[in-house]
Amino acid sequence: MSTLSLAEINAQIKQQEEQLAQLKASAEAQRKEEIASVIQVLRAKITEYGISAKELGLGAAKAKQGRRATLAESIVKGTQYKGPNGEIWTSGTRGRKPGWLTAELANGKTLEELAA
């Protein structure tokens, strides 16, 4: 068994790094092709079934362009509840429940009925 010189080891490392870069570039190109294919299928289905942007939940996202709300933010926010006068309260926020919500619950309403 022969030992490799430092130059030979460095040459092998460089060769492996070049191969890795080629594989990453190939994987990215394949990913882009797959995404293009999926988009094409989705567009066809949207047209076929007459689905609107609003039905896909894209209308609200467009209205919030100034403040980019991520999916994680919307999940963390919690459920929103609407009061009798249009008040909105989001569960998971700090502090006590608002008075209108406590009063509505005391009058026999459920959180499910108050969900916005």
PDB file of N, CA and C in Angstrom:
ATOM      1  N   MET A   1       0.843  -1.163   0.000  1.00  0.00           N
ATOM      2  CA  MET A   1       0.000   0.000   0.000  1.00  0.00           C
ATOM      3  C   MET A   1       0.896   1.236   0.000  1.00  0.00           C
ATOM      4  N   SER A   2       0.613   2.122  -0.931  1.00  0.00           N
ATOM      5  CA  SER A   2       1.442   3.318  -1.020  1.00  0.00           C
ATOM      6  C   SER A   2       0.726   4.494  -0.369  1.00  0.00           C
ATOM      7  N   THR A   3       1.513   5.381   0.164  1.00  0.00           N
ATOM      8  CA  THR A   3       0.934   6.570   0.791  1.00  0.00           C
ATOM      9  C   THR A   3       0.890   7.689  -0.241  1.00  0.00           C
ATOM     10  N   LEU A   4      -0.104   8.491  -0.135  1.00  0.00           N
ATOM     11  CA  LEU A   4      -0.273   9.604  -1.060  1.00  0.00           C
ATOM     12  C   LEU A   4       0.456  10.827  -0.538  1.00  0.00           C
ATOM     13  N   SER A   5       0.943  11.582  -1.465  1.00  0.00           N
ATOM     14  CA  SER A   5       1.607  12.819  -1.066  1.00  0.00           C
ATOM     15  C   SER A   5       0.539  13.884  -0.798  1.00  0.00           C
ATOM     16  N   LEU A   6       0.956  14.937  -0.148  1.00  0.00           N
ATOM     17  CA  LEU A   6       0.050  16.036   0.157  1.00  0.00           C
ATOM     18  C   LEU A   6      -0.507  16.642  -1.129  1.00  0.00           C
ATOM     19  N   ALA A   7       0.290  16.764  -2.146  1.00  0.00           N
ATOM     20  CA  ALA A   7      -0.149  17.325  -3.423  1.00  0.00           C
ATOM     21  C   ALA A   7      -1.215  16.428  -4.055  1.00  0.00           C
ATOM     22  N   GLU A   8      -1.030  15.118  -3.962  1.00  0.00           N
ATOM     23  CA  GLU A   8      -2.014  14.184  -4.524  1.00  0.00           C
ATOM     24  C   GLU A   8      -3.343  14.250  -3.761  1.00  0.00           C
ATOM     25  N   ILE A   9      -3.249  14.367  -2.451  1.00  0.00           N
ATOM     26  CA  ILE A   9      -4.465  14.479  -1.629  1.00  0.00           C
ATOM     27  C   ILE A   9      -5.198  15.770  -1.973  1.00  0.00           C
ATOM     28  N   ASN A  10      -4.473  16.880  -2.083  1.00  0.00           N
ATOM     29  CA  ASN A  10      -5.092  18.157  -2.443  1.00  0.00           C
ATOM     30  C   ASN A  10      -5.723  18.101  -3.834  1.00  0.00           C
ATOM     31  N   ALA A  11      -5.082  17.402  -4.761  1.00  0.00           N
ATOM     32  CA  ALA A  11      -5.628  17.255  -6.117  1.00  0.00           C
ATOM     33  C   ALA A  11      -6.931  16.457  -6.071  1.00  0.00           C
ATOM     34  N   GLN A  12      -6.984  15.414  -5.254  1.00  0.00           N
ATOM     35  CA  GLN A  12      -8.205  14.622  -5.112  1.00  0.00           C
ATOM     36  C   GLN A  12      -9.327  15.452  -4.477  1.00  0.00           C
ATOM     37  N   ILE A  13      -8.955  16.242  -3.487  1.00  0.00           N
ATOM     38  CA  ILE A  13      -9.951  17.103  -2.835  1.00  0.00           C
ATOM     39  C   ILE A  13     -10.520  18.093  -3.852  1.00  0.00           C
ATOM     40  N   LYS A  14      -9.651  18.709  -4.638  1.00  0.00           N
ATOM     41  CA  LYS A  14     -10.103  19.666  -5.643  1.00  0.00           C
ATOM     42  C   LYS A  14     -11.022  18.986  -6.661  1.00  0.00           C
ATOM     43  N   GLN A  15     -10.662  17.789  -7.087  1.00  0.00           N
ATOM     44  CA  GLN A  15     -11.473  17.035  -8.048  1.00  0.00           C
ATOM     45  C   GLN A  15     -12.856  16.720  -7.450  1.00  0.00           C
ATOM     46  N   GLN A  16     -12.883  16.316  -6.187  1.00  0.00           N
ATOM     47  CA  GLN A  16     -14.150  15.987  -5.517  1.00  0.00           C
ATOM     48  C   GLN A  16     -15.018  17.245  -5.358  1.00  0.00           C
ATOM     49  N   GLU A  17     -14.378  18.374  -5.033  1.00  0.00           N
ATOM     50  CA  GLU A  17     -15.117  19.623  -4.889  1.00  0.00           C
ATOM     51  C   GLU A  17     -15.727  20.058  -6.218  1.00  0.00           C
ATOM     52  N   GLU A  18     -14.987  19.886  -7.322  1.00  0.00           N
ATOM     53  CA  GLU A  18     -15.510  20.213  -8.646  1.00  0.00           C
ATOM     54  C   GLU A  18     -16.686  19.302  -8.999  1.00  0.00           C
ATOM     55  N   GLN A  19     -16.571  18.032  -8.658  1.00  0.00           N
ATOM     56  CA  GLN A  19     -17.646  17.081  -8.919  1.00  0.00           C
ATOM     57  C   GLN A  19     -18.889  17.453  -8.094  1.00  0.00           C
ATOM     58  N   LEU A  20     -18.678  17.850  -6.841  1.00  0.00           N
ATOM     59  CA  LEU A  20     -19.783  18.265  -5.982  1.00  0.00           C
ATOM     60  C   LEU A  20     -20.480  19.500  -6.561  1.00  0.00           C
ATOM     61  N   ALA A  21     -19.709  20.462  -7.039  1.00  0.00           N
ATOM     62  CA  ALA A  21     -20.287  21.674  -7.634  1.00  0.00           C
ATOM     63  C   ALA A  21     -21.112  21.324  -8.873  1.00  0.00           C
ATOM     64  N   GLN A  22     -20.614  20.391  -9.688  1.00  0.00           N
ATOM     65  CA  GLN A  22     -21.358  19.962 -10.880  1.00  0.00           C
ATOM     66  C   GLN A  22     -22.666  19.273 -10.482  1.00  0.00           C
ATOM     67  N   LEU A  23     -22.611  18.433  -9.461  1.00  0.00           N
ATOM     68  CA  LEU A  23     -23.814  17.728  -9.002  1.00  0.00           C
ATOM     69  C   LEU A  23     -24.842  18.715  -8.444  1.00  0.00           C
ATOM     70  N   LYS A  24     -24.379  19.711  -7.695  1.00  0.00           N
ATOM     71  CA  LYS A  24     -25.299  20.722  -7.158  1.00  0.00           C
ATOM     72  C   LYS A  24     -25.951  21.512  -8.284  1.00  0.00           C
ATOM     73  N   ALA A  25     -25.173  21.884  -9.297  1.00  0.00           N
ATOM     74  CA  ALA A  25     -25.717  22.627 -10.435  1.00  0.00           C
ATOM     75  C   ALA A  25     -26.730  21.776 -11.189  1.00  0.00           C
ATOM     76  N   SER A  26     -26.435  20.509 -11.348  1.00  0.00           N
ATOM     77  CA  SER A  26     -27.355  19.585 -12.018  1.00  0.00           C
ATOM     78  C   SER A  26     -28.647  19.427 -11.228  1.00  0.00           C
ATOM     79  N   ALA A  27     -28.539  19.309  -9.915  1.00  0.00           N
ATOM     80  CA  ALA A  27     -29.721  19.161  -9.053  1.00  0.00           C
ATOM     81  C   ALA A  27     -30.579  20.419  -9.115  1.00  0.00           C
ATOM     82  N   GLU A  28     -29.956  21.590  -9.138  1.00  0.00           N
ATOM     83  CA  GLU A  28     -30.704  22.844  -9.209  1.00  0.00           C
ATOM     84  C   GLU A  28     -31.427  22.968 -10.542  1.00  0.00           C
ATOM     85  N   ALA A  29     -30.766  22.586 -11.629  1.00  0.00           N
ATOM     86  CA  ALA A  29     -31.401  22.631 -12.947  1.00  0.00           C
ATOM     87  C   ALA A  29     -32.595  21.677 -13.000  1.00  0.00           C
ATOM     88  N   GLN A  30     -32.440  20.493 -12.429  1.00  0.00           N
ATOM     89  CA  GLN A  30     -33.528  19.518 -12.401  1.00  0.00           C
ATOM     90  C   GLN A  30     -34.686  20.041 -11.555  1.00  0.00           C
ATOM     91  N   ARG A  31     -34.369  20.677 -10.439  1.00  0.00           N
ATOM     92  CA  ARG A  31     -35.402  21.244  -9.571  1.00  0.00           C
ATOM     93  C   ARG A  31     -36.197  22.304 -10.317  1.00  0.00           C
ATOM     94  N   LYS A  32     -35.511  23.182 -11.056  1.00  0.00           N
ATOM     95  CA  LYS A  32     -36.184  24.235 -11.815  1.00  0.00           C
ATOM     96  C   LYS A  32     -37.104  23.638 -12.874  1.00  0.00           C
ATOM     97  N   GLU A  33     -36.660  22.572 -13.527  1.00  0.00           N
ATOM     98  CA  GLU A  33     -37.492  21.898 -14.530  1.00  0.00           C
ATOM     99  C   GLU A  33     -38.746  21.305 -13.876  1.00  0.00           C
ATOM    100  N   GLU A  34     -38.587  20.681 -12.714  1.00  0.00           N
ATOM    101  CA  GLU A  34     -39.727  20.094 -12.020  1.00  0.00           C
ATOM    102  C   GLU A  34     -40.714  21.175 -11.590  1.00  0.00           C
ATOM    103  N   ILE A  35     -40.210  22.295 -11.093  1.00  0.00           N
ATOM    104  CA  ILE A  35     -41.080  23.391 -10.680  1.00  0.00           C
ATOM    105  C   ILE A  35     -41.861  23.917 -11.879  1.00  0.00           C
ATOM    106  N   ALA A  36     -41.191  24.087 -13.005  1.00  0.00           N
ATOM    107  CA  ALA A  36     -41.867  24.563 -14.216  1.00  0.00           C
ATOM    108  C   ALA A  36     -42.969  23.593 -14.626  1.00  0.00           C
ATOM    109  N   SER A  37     -42.711  22.306 -14.510  1.00  0.00           N
ATOM    110  CA  SER A  37     -43.705  21.287 -14.843  1.00  0.00           C
ATOM    111  C   SER A  37     -44.901  21.353 -13.897  1.00  0.00           C
ATOM    112  N   VAL A  38     -44.640  21.495 -12.616  1.00  0.00           N
ATOM    113  CA  VAL A  38     -45.716  21.581 -11.621  1.00  0.00           C
ATOM    114  C   VAL A  38     -46.550  22.839 -11.857  1.00  0.00           C
ATOM    115  N   ILE A  39     -45.905  23.955 -12.135  1.00  0.00           N
ATOM    116  CA  ILE A  39     -46.627  25.201 -12.398  1.00  0.00           C
ATOM    117  C   ILE A  39     -47.524  25.046 -13.614  1.00  0.00           C
ATOM    118  N   GLN A  40     -47.031  24.383 -14.636  1.00  0.00           N
ATOM    119  CA  GLN A  40     -47.821  24.163 -15.847  1.00  0.00           C
ATOM    120  C   GLN A  40     -49.064  23.329 -15.533  1.00  0.00           C
ATOM    121  N   VAL A  41     -48.910  22.276 -14.740  1.00  0.00           N
ATOM    122  CA  VAL A  41     -50.044  21.426 -14.357  1.00  0.00           C
ATOM    123  C   VAL A  41     -51.033  22.226 -13.504  1.00  0.00           C
ATOM    124  N   LEU A  42     -50.523  23.002 -12.542  1.00  0.00           N
ATOM    125  CA  LEU A  42     -51.398  23.800 -11.692  1.00  0.00           C
ATOM    126  C   LEU A  42     -52.190  24.825 -12.499  1.00  0.00           C
ATOM    127  N   ARG A  43     -51.532  25.496 -13.425  1.00  0.00           N
ATOM    128  CA  ARG A  43     -52.235  26.474 -14.257  1.00  0.00           C
ATOM    129  C   ARG A  43     -53.345  25.808 -15.059  1.00  0.00           C
ATOM    130  N   ALA A  44     -53.064  24.624 -15.584  1.00  0.00           N
ATOM    131  CA  ALA A  44     -54.084  23.900 -16.351  1.00  0.00           C
ATOM    132  C   ALA A  44     -55.273  23.546 -15.463  1.00  0.00           C
ATOM    133  N   LYS A  45     -55.022  23.077 -14.245  1.00  0.00           N
ATOM    134  CA  LYS A  45     -56.095  22.710 -13.317  1.00  0.00           C
ATOM    135  C   LYS A  45     -56.889  23.943 -12.883  1.00  0.00           C
ATOM    136  N   ILE A  46     -56.202  25.043 -12.639  1.00  0.00           N
ATOM    137  CA  ILE A  46     -56.876  26.279 -12.241  1.00  0.00           C
ATOM    138  C   ILE A  46     -57.815  26.734 -13.349  1.00  0.00           C
ATOM    139  N   THR A  47     -57.334  26.665 -14.587  1.00  0.00           N
ATOM    140  CA  THR A  47     -58.169  27.039 -15.725  1.00  0.00           C
ATOM    141  C   THR A  47     -59.325  26.061 -15.893  1.00  0.00           C
ATOM    142  N   GLU A  48     -59.032  24.779 -15.783  1.00  0.00           N
ATOM    143  CA  GLU A  48     -60.050  23.736 -15.969  1.00  0.00           C
ATOM    144  C   GLU A  48     -61.192  23.875 -14.965  1.00  0.00           C
ATOM    145  N   TYR A  49     -60.866  24.160 -13.716  1.00  0.00           N
ATOM    146  CA  TYR A  49     -61.883  24.233 -12.667  1.00  0.00           C
ATOM    147  C   TYR A  49     -62.347  25.657 -12.371  1.00  0.00           C
ATOM    148  N   GLY A  50     -61.774  26.644 -13.043  1.00  0.00           N
ATOM    149  CA  GLY A  50     -62.180  28.032 -12.847  1.00  0.00           C
ATOM    150  C   GLY A  50     -61.913  28.543 -11.439  1.00  0.00           C
ATOM    151  N   ILE A  51     -60.778  28.173 -10.875  1.00  0.00           N
ATOM    152  CA  ILE A  51     -60.430  28.571  -9.512  1.00  0.00           C
ATOM    153  C   ILE A  51     -59.886  29.990  -9.532  1.00  0.00           C
ATOM    154  N   SER A  52     -60.361  30.814  -8.597  1.00  0.00           N
ATOM    155  CA  SER A  52     -59.908  32.204  -8.534  1.00  0.00           C
ATOM    156  C   SER A  52     -58.736  32.341  -7.563  1.00  0.00           C
ATOM    157  N   ALA A  53     -58.051  33.471  -7.673  1.00  0.00           N
ATOM    158  CA  ALA A  53     -56.940  33.755  -6.757  1.00  0.00           C
ATOM    159  C   ALA A  53     -57.447  33.858  -5.330  1.00  0.00           C
ATOM    160  N   LYS A  54     -58.653  34.394  -5.170  1.00  0.00           N
ATOM    161  CA  LYS A  54     -59.230  34.525  -3.835  1.00  0.00           C
ATOM    162  C   LYS A  54     -59.477  33.150  -3.220  1.00  0.00           C
ATOM    163  N   GLU A  55     -59.964  32.207  -4.026  1.00  0.00           N
ATOM    164  CA  GLU A  55     -60.201  30.849  -3.526  1.00  0.00           C
ATOM    165  C   GLU A  55     -58.898  30.165  -3.109  1.00  0.00           C
ATOM    166  N   LEU A  56     -57.830  30.552  -3.742  1.00  0.00           N
ATOM    167  CA  LEU A  56     -56.516  30.005  -3.384  1.00  0.00           C
ATOM    168  C   LEU A  56     -55.891  30.732  -2.207  1.00  0.00           C
ATOM    169  N   GLY A  57     -56.554  31.801  -1.752  1.00  0.00           N
ATOM    170  CA  GLY A  57     -56.016  32.568  -0.636  1.00  0.00           C
ATOM    171  C   GLY A  57     -54.958  33.557  -1.064  1.00  0.00           C
ATOM    172  N   LEU A  58     -54.930  33.890  -2.342  1.00  0.00           N
ATOM    173  CA  LEU A  58     -53.912  34.806  -2.843  1.00  0.00           C
ATOM    174  C   LEU A  58     -54.357  36.258  -2.810  1.00  0.00           C
ATOM    175  N   GLY A  59     -55.648  36.518  -2.715  1.00  0.00           N
ATOM    176  CA  GLY A  59     -56.147  37.887  -2.678  1.00  0.00           C
ATOM    177  C   GLY A  59     -55.681  38.615  -1.434  1.00  0.00           C
ATOM    178  N   ALA A  60     -55.745  37.957  -0.278  1.00  0.00           N
ATOM    179  CA  ALA A  60     -55.326  38.578   0.980  1.00  0.00           C
ATOM    180  C   ALA A  60     -53.829  38.817   0.988  1.00  0.00           C
ATOM    181  N   ALA A  61     -53.080  37.910   0.399  1.00  0.00           N
ATOM    182  CA  ALA A  61     -51.624  38.059   0.376  1.00  0.00           C
ATOM    183  C   ALA A  61     -51.234  39.279  -0.462  1.00  0.00           C
ATOM    184  N   LYS A  62     -51.957  39.517  -1.541  1.00  0.00           N
ATOM    185  CA  LYS A  62     -51.647  40.654  -2.392  1.00  0.00           C
ATOM    186  C   LYS A  62     -51.936  41.967  -1.668  1.00  0.00           C
ATOM    187  N   ALA A  63     -52.963  41.983  -0.837  1.00  0.00           N
ATOM    188  CA  ALA A  63     -53.309  43.189  -0.097  1.00  0.00           C
ATOM    189  C   ALA A  63     -52.258  43.521   0.957  1.00  0.00           C
ATOM    190  N   LYS A  64     -51.502  42.535   1.404  1.00  0.00           N
ATOM    191  CA  LYS A  64     -50.497  42.732   2.449  1.00  0.00           C
ATOM    192  C   LYS A  64     -49.093  42.854   1.867  1.00  0.00           C
ATOM    193  N   GLN A  65     -48.955  43.349   0.646  1.00  0.00           N
ATOM    194  CA  GLN A  65     -47.637  43.418   0.036  1.00  0.00           C
ATOM    195  C   GLN A  65     -46.684  44.299   0.821  1.00  0.00           C
ATOM    196  N   GLY A  66     -47.194  45.384   1.421  1.00  0.00           N
ATOM    197  CA  GLY A  66     -46.320  46.285   2.166  1.00  0.00           C
ATOM    198  C   GLY A  66     -45.674  45.590   3.340  1.00  0.00           C
ATOM    199  N   ARG A  67     -46.398  44.725   4.001  1.00  0.00           N
ATOM    200  CA  ARG A  67     -45.871  43.990   5.150  1.00  0.00           C
ATOM    201  C   ARG A  67     -45.949  42.524   4.824  1.00  0.00           C
ATOM    202  N   ARG A  68     -44.843  41.939   4.508  1.00  0.00           N
ATOM    203  CA  ARG A  68     -44.815  40.543   4.084  1.00  0.00           C
ATOM    204  C   ARG A  68     -45.068  39.619   5.261  1.00  0.00           C
ATOM    205  N   ALA A  69     -46.277  39.110   5.350  1.00  0.00           N
ATOM    206  CA  ALA A  69     -46.634  38.159   6.399  1.00  0.00           C
ATOM    207  C   ALA A  69     -46.273  36.759   5.919  1.00  0.00           C
ATOM    208  N   THR A  70     -45.502  36.052   6.711  1.00  0.00           N
ATOM    209  CA  THR A  70     -45.123  34.704   6.341  1.00  0.00           C
ATOM    210  C   THR A  70     -46.139  33.715   6.879  1.00  0.00           C
ATOM    211  N   LEU A  71     -46.102  32.504   6.350  1.00  0.00           N
ATOM    212  CA  LEU A  71     -47.010  31.463   6.818  1.00  0.00           C
ATOM    213  C   LEU A  71     -46.771  31.199   8.291  1.00  0.00           C
ATOM    214  N   ALA A  72     -45.522  31.205   8.718  1.00  0.00           N
ATOM    215  CA  ALA A  72     -45.214  30.963  10.126  1.00  0.00           C
ATOM    216  C   ALA A  72     -45.839  32.033  11.014  1.00  0.00           C
ATOM    217  N   GLU A  73     -45.808  33.291  10.572  1.00  0.00           N
ATOM    218  CA  GLU A  73     -46.421  34.364  11.356  1.00  0.00           C
ATOM    219  C   GLU A  73     -47.917  34.159  11.484  1.00  0.00           C
ATOM    220  N   SER A  74     -48.554  33.761  10.388  1.00  0.00           N
ATOM    221  CA  SER A  74     -50.005  33.596  10.435  1.00  0.00           C
ATOM    222  C   SER A  74     -50.397  32.408  11.304  1.00  0.00           C
ATOM    223  N   ILE A  75     -49.566  31.388  11.380  1.00  0.00           N
ATOM    224  CA  ILE A  75     -49.860  30.237  12.234  1.00  0.00           C
ATOM    225  C   ILE A  75     -49.694  30.627  13.702  1.00  0.00           C
ATOM    226  N   VAL A  76     -48.648  31.397  14.000  1.00  0.00           N
ATOM    227  CA  VAL A  76     -48.368  31.789  15.374  1.00  0.00           C
ATOM    228  C   VAL A  76     -49.445  32.738  15.899  1.00  0.00           C
ATOM    229  N   LYS A  77     -50.046  33.547  15.028  1.00  0.00           N
ATOM    230  CA  LYS A  77     -51.033  34.529  15.448  1.00  0.00           C
ATOM    231  C   LYS A  77     -52.196  33.906  16.200  1.00  0.00           C
ATOM    232  N   GLY A  78     -52.642  32.752  15.812  1.00  0.00           N
ATOM    233  CA  GLY A  78     -53.770  32.121  16.477  1.00  0.00           C
ATOM    234  C   GLY A  78     -55.089  32.454  15.809  1.00  0.00           C
ATOM    235  N   THR A  79     -56.157  31.987  16.408  1.00  0.00           N
ATOM    236  CA  THR A  79     -57.491  32.191  15.860  1.00  0.00           C
ATOM    237  C   THR A  79     -57.989  33.587  16.194  1.00  0.00           C
ATOM    238  N   GLN A  80     -58.679  34.177  15.244  1.00  0.00           N
ATOM    239  CA  GLN A  80     -59.242  35.501  15.478  1.00  0.00           C
ATOM    240  C   GLN A  80     -60.725  35.369  15.791  1.00  0.00           C
ATOM    241  N   TYR A  81     -61.195  36.210  16.714  1.00  0.00           N
ATOM    242  CA  TYR A  81     -62.594  36.219  17.124  1.00  0.00           C
ATOM    243  C   TYR A  81     -63.151  37.612  16.888  1.00  0.00           C
ATOM    244  N   LYS A  82     -64.396  37.671  16.428  1.00  0.00           N
ATOM    245  CA  LYS A  82     -65.016  38.944  16.088  1.00  0.00           C
ATOM    246  C   LYS A  82     -66.125  39.256  17.073  1.00  0.00           C
ATOM    247  N   GLY A  83     -66.118  40.471  17.578  1.00  0.00           N
ATOM    248  CA  GLY A  83     -67.104  40.909  18.546  1.00  0.00           C
ATOM    249  C   GLY A  83     -68.373  41.429  17.887  1.00  0.00           C
ATOM    250  N   PRO A  84     -69.389  41.748  18.677  1.00  0.00           N
ATOM    251  CA  PRO A  84     -70.672  42.202  18.144  1.00  0.00           C
ATOM    252  C   PRO A  84     -70.585  43.541  17.413  1.00  0.00           C
ATOM    253  N   ASN A  85     -69.618  44.353  17.742  1.00  0.00           N
ATOM    254  CA  ASN A  85     -69.460  45.662  17.090  1.00  0.00           C
ATOM    255  C   ASN A  85     -68.280  45.678  16.122  1.00  0.00           C
ATOM    256  N   GLY A  86     -67.849  44.496  15.700  1.00  0.00           N
ATOM    257  CA  GLY A  86     -66.748  44.405  14.740  1.00  0.00           C
ATOM    258  C   GLY A  86     -65.373  44.353  15.363  1.00  0.00           C
ATOM    259  N   GLU A  87     -65.289  44.262  16.689  1.00  0.00           N
ATOM    260  CA  GLU A  87     -63.977  44.171  17.340  1.00  0.00           C
ATOM    261  C   GLU A  87     -63.320  42.839  16.959  1.00  0.00           C
ATOM    262  N   ILE A  88     -62.008  42.840  16.927  1.00  0.00           N
ATOM    263  CA  ILE A  88     -61.254  41.623  16.617  1.00  0.00           C
ATOM    264  C   ILE A  88     -60.279  41.347  17.751  1.00  0.00           C
ATOM    265  N   TRP A  89     -60.225  40.104  18.194  1.00  0.00           N
ATOM    266  CA  TRP A  89     -59.252  39.680  19.189  1.00  0.00           C
ATOM    267  C   TRP A  89     -58.619  38.383  18.708  1.00  0.00           C
ATOM    268  N   THR A  90     -57.307  38.268  18.841  1.00  0.00           N
ATOM    269  CA  THR A  90     -56.577  37.091  18.397  1.00  0.00           C
ATOM    270  C   THR A  90     -56.124  36.286  19.598  1.00  0.00           C
ATOM    271  N   SER A  91     -56.448  34.997  19.579  1.00  0.00           N
ATOM    272  CA  SER A  91     -56.017  34.139  20.685  1.00  0.00           C
ATOM    273  C   SER A  91     -54.502  34.009  20.665  1.00  0.00           C
ATOM    274  N   GLY A  92     -53.944  33.741  21.820  1.00  0.00           N
ATOM    275  CA  GLY A  92     -52.499  33.601  21.925  1.00  0.00           C
ATOM    276  C   GLY A  92     -51.792  34.911  22.182  1.00  0.00           C
ATOM    277  N   THR A  93     -52.543  36.005  22.229  1.00  0.00           N
ATOM    278  CA  THR A  93     -51.923  37.293  22.530  1.00  0.00           C
ATOM    279  C   THR A  93     -51.782  37.436  24.039  1.00  0.00           C
ATOM    280  N   ARG A  94     -50.941  38.329  24.454  1.00  0.00           N
ATOM    281  CA  ARG A  94     -50.694  38.510  25.879  1.00  0.00           C
ATOM    282  C   ARG A  94     -51.814  39.302  26.520  1.00  0.00           C
ATOM    283  N   GLY A  95     -52.035  39.047  27.781  1.00  0.00           N
ATOM    284  CA  GLY A  95     -53.030  39.801  28.523  1.00  0.00           C
ATOM    285  C   GLY A  95     -54.360  39.073  28.619  1.00  0.00           C
ATOM    286  N   ARG A  96     -55.315  39.763  29.262  1.00  0.00           N
ATOM    287  CA  ARG A  96     -56.639  39.183  29.468  1.00  0.00           C
ATOM    288  C   ARG A  96     -57.471  39.233  28.197  1.00  0.00           C
ATOM    289  N   LYS A  97     -58.500  38.400  28.173  1.00  0.00           N
ATOM    290  CA  LYS A  97     -59.461  38.443  27.083  1.00  0.00           C
ATOM    291  C   LYS A  97     -60.220  39.760  27.199  1.00  0.00           C
ATOM    292  N   PRO A  98     -60.610  40.331  26.072  1.00  0.00           N
ATOM    293  CA  PRO A  98     -61.349  41.592  26.132  1.00  0.00           C
ATOM    294  C   PRO A  98     -62.724  41.413  26.775  1.00  0.00           C
ATOM    295  N   GLY A  99     -63.255  42.496  27.293  1.00  0.00           N
ATOM    296  CA  GLY A  99     -64.535  42.468  27.994  1.00  0.00           C
ATOM    297  C   GLY A  99     -65.668  41.961  27.119  1.00  0.00           C
ATOM    298  N   TRP A 100     -65.700  42.387  25.855  1.00  0.00           N
ATOM    299  CA  TRP A 100     -66.782  41.942  24.978  1.00  0.00           C
ATOM    300  C   TRP A 100     -66.763  40.434  24.796  1.00  0.00           C
ATOM    301  N   LEU A 101     -65.560  39.828  24.737  1.00  0.00           N
ATOM    302  CA  LEU A 101     -65.466  38.377  24.574  1.00  0.00           C
ATOM    303  C   LEU A 101     -65.938  37.668  25.836  1.00  0.00           C
ATOM    304  N   THR A 102     -65.513  38.154  26.983  1.00  0.00           N
ATOM    305  CA  THR A 102     -65.946  37.563  28.252  1.00  0.00           C
ATOM    306  C   THR A 102     -67.464  37.649  28.378  1.00  0.00           C
ATOM    307  N   ALA A 103     -68.047  38.800  27.993  1.00  0.00           N
ATOM    308  CA  ALA A 103     -69.498  38.980  28.072  1.00  0.00           C
ATOM    309  C   ALA A 103     -70.224  38.036  27.117  1.00  0.00           C
ATOM    310  N   GLU A 104     -69.711  37.883  25.913  1.00  0.00           N
ATOM    311  CA  GLU A 104     -70.341  36.990  24.938  1.00  0.00           C
ATOM    312  C   GLU A 104     -70.300  35.543  25.435  1.00  0.00           C
ATOM    313  N   LEU A 105     -69.162  35.135  26.009  1.00  0.00           N
ATOM    314  CA  LEU A 105     -69.056  33.771  26.544  1.00  0.00           C
ATOM    315  C   LEU A 105     -70.009  33.570  27.720  1.00  0.00           C
ATOM    316  N   ALA A 106     -70.155  34.604  28.545  1.00  0.00           N
ATOM    317  CA  ALA A 106     -71.066  34.536  29.691  1.00  0.00           C
ATOM    318  C   ALA A 106     -72.524  34.434  29.230  1.00  0.00           C
ATOM    319  N   ASN A 107     -72.821  34.996  28.056  1.00  0.00           N
ATOM    320  CA  ASN A 107     -74.180  34.941  27.523  1.00  0.00           C
ATOM    321  C   ASN A 107     -74.461  33.644  26.766  1.00  0.00           C
ATOM    322  N   GLY A 108     -73.528  32.697  26.820  1.00  0.00           N
ATOM    323  CA  GLY A 108     -73.775  31.390  26.243  1.00  0.00           C
ATOM    324  C   GLY A 108     -73.187  31.135  24.872  1.00  0.00           C
ATOM    325  N   LYS A 109     -72.526  32.125  24.300  1.00  0.00           N
ATOM    326  CA  LYS A 109     -71.899  31.909  22.996  1.00  0.00           C
ATOM    327  C   LYS A 109     -70.624  31.087  23.169  1.00  0.00           C
ATOM    328  N   THR A 110     -70.214  30.405  22.105  1.00  0.00           N
ATOM    329  CA  THR A 110     -68.976  29.621  22.142  1.00  0.00           C
ATOM    330  C   THR A 110     -67.917  30.333  21.309  1.00  0.00           C
ATOM    331  N   LEU A 111     -66.661  29.967  21.541  1.00  0.00           N
ATOM    332  CA  LEU A 111     -65.580  30.554  20.757  1.00  0.00           C
ATOM    333  C   LEU A 111     -65.748  30.229  19.287  1.00  0.00           C
ATOM    334  N   GLU A 112     -66.258  29.037  18.983  1.00  0.00           N
ATOM    335  CA  GLU A 112     -66.451  28.647  17.585  1.00  0.00           C
ATOM    336  C   GLU A 112     -67.448  29.575  16.896  1.00  0.00           C
ATOM    337  N   GLU A 113     -68.485  30.010  17.632  1.00  0.00           N
ATOM    338  CA  GLU A 113     -69.471  30.920  17.061  1.00  0.00           C
ATOM    339  C   GLU A 113     -68.890  32.313  16.824  1.00  0.00           C
ATOM    340  N   LEU A 114     -67.897  32.680  17.603  1.00  0.00           N
ATOM    341  CA  LEU A 114     -67.297  34.017  17.501  1.00  0.00           C
ATOM    342  C   LEU A 114     -66.088  34.056  16.586  1.00  0.00           C
ATOM    343  N   ALA A 115     -65.652  32.896  16.097  1.00  0.00           N
ATOM    344  CA  ALA A 115     -64.479  32.853  15.230  1.00  0.00           C
ATOM    345  C   ALA A 115     -64.740  33.690  13.981  1.00  0.00           C
ATOM    346  N   ALA A 116     -63.746  34.511  13.620  1.00  0.00           N
ATOM    347  CA  ALA A 116     -63.897  35.407  12.465  1.00  0.00           C
ATOM    348  C   ALA A 116     -63.653  34.653  11.174  1.00  0.00           C
TER     349      ALA A 116
END
